[in-house]
Protein backbone atom coordinates (compact mmCIF):
# COMPACT_ATOMS: atom_id res chain seq x y z
CA UNK A 1 0.00 0.00 0.00
CA UNK A 2 1.61 3.18 -1.18
CA UNK A 3 0.71 6.33 0.68
CA UNK A 4 1.42 8.64 -2.23
CA UNK A 5 1.78 8.13 -5.97
CA UNK A 6 5.26 8.71 -7.32
CA UNK A 7 5.61 11.43 -9.92
CA UNK A 8 8.54 12.48 -12.06
CA UNK A 9 10.80 15.12 -10.57
CA UNK A 10 10.79 18.64 -11.95
CA UNK A 11 14.37 18.14 -13.18
CA UNK A 12 13.33 15.04 -15.12
CA UNK A 13 10.33 16.78 -16.67
CA UNK A 14 12.49 19.71 -17.73
CA UNK A 15 15.18 17.47 -19.21
CA UNK A 16 12.57 15.44 -21.13
CA UNK A 17 11.24 18.63 -22.63
CA UNK A 18 14.67 20.05 -23.45
CA UNK A 19 15.82 16.73 -24.94
CA UNK A 20 13.03 16.80 -27.52
CA UNK A 21 13.81 20.38 -28.52
CA UNK A 22 17.59 20.48 -28.78
CA UNK A 23 20.77 18.43 -28.85
CA UNK A 24 22.09 17.84 -25.36
CA UNK A 25 25.77 17.93 -24.48
CA UNK A 26 27.39 14.76 -23.17
CA UNK A 27 27.19 16.06 -19.61
CA UNK A 28 23.50 16.90 -20.01
CA UNK A 29 22.77 13.49 -21.58
CA UNK A 30 24.51 11.79 -18.66
CA UNK A 31 22.46 13.82 -16.17
CA UNK A 32 19.23 13.10 -18.09
CA UNK A 33 19.81 9.35 -18.36
CA UNK A 34 20.66 9.17 -14.65
CA UNK A 35 17.41 10.95 -13.82
CA UNK A 36 15.45 8.54 -16.02
CA UNK A 37 17.14 5.46 -14.58
CA UNK A 38 16.62 6.73 -11.05
CA UNK A 39 12.93 7.33 -11.62
CA UNK A 40 12.47 3.94 -13.29
CA UNK A 41 14.25 2.26 -10.38
CA UNK A 42 12.04 4.02 -7.85
CA UNK A 43 8.90 2.93 -9.73
CA UNK A 44 10.12 -0.69 -9.85
CA UNK A 45 10.92 -0.56 -6.14
CA UNK A 46 7.44 0.80 -5.41
CA UNK A 47 5.90 -2.13 -7.32
CA UNK A 48 8.02 -4.63 -5.39
CA UNK A 49 7.13 -3.10 -2.03
CA UNK A 50 3.47 -2.93 -2.99
CA UNK A 51 3.57 -6.63 -3.86
CA UNK A 52 5.09 -7.44 -0.47
CA UNK A 53 2.42 -5.49 1.36
CA UNK A 54 -0.35 -7.35 -0.46
CA UNK A 55 1.13 -10.75 0.47
CA UNK A 56 1.21 -9.91 4.20
């Protein structure tokens, strides 16, 4: 049971928008991919924890 839905961070939303509009530098791409991976990992973790709570 999650208390609050997870939403994308403001940084991630901004980088998604900027990525579609212009070519990112290598440093910006690295930052953007880390934000995406971090968010995806948090969502996967939430699903795992939610599954554990339902089994209990």
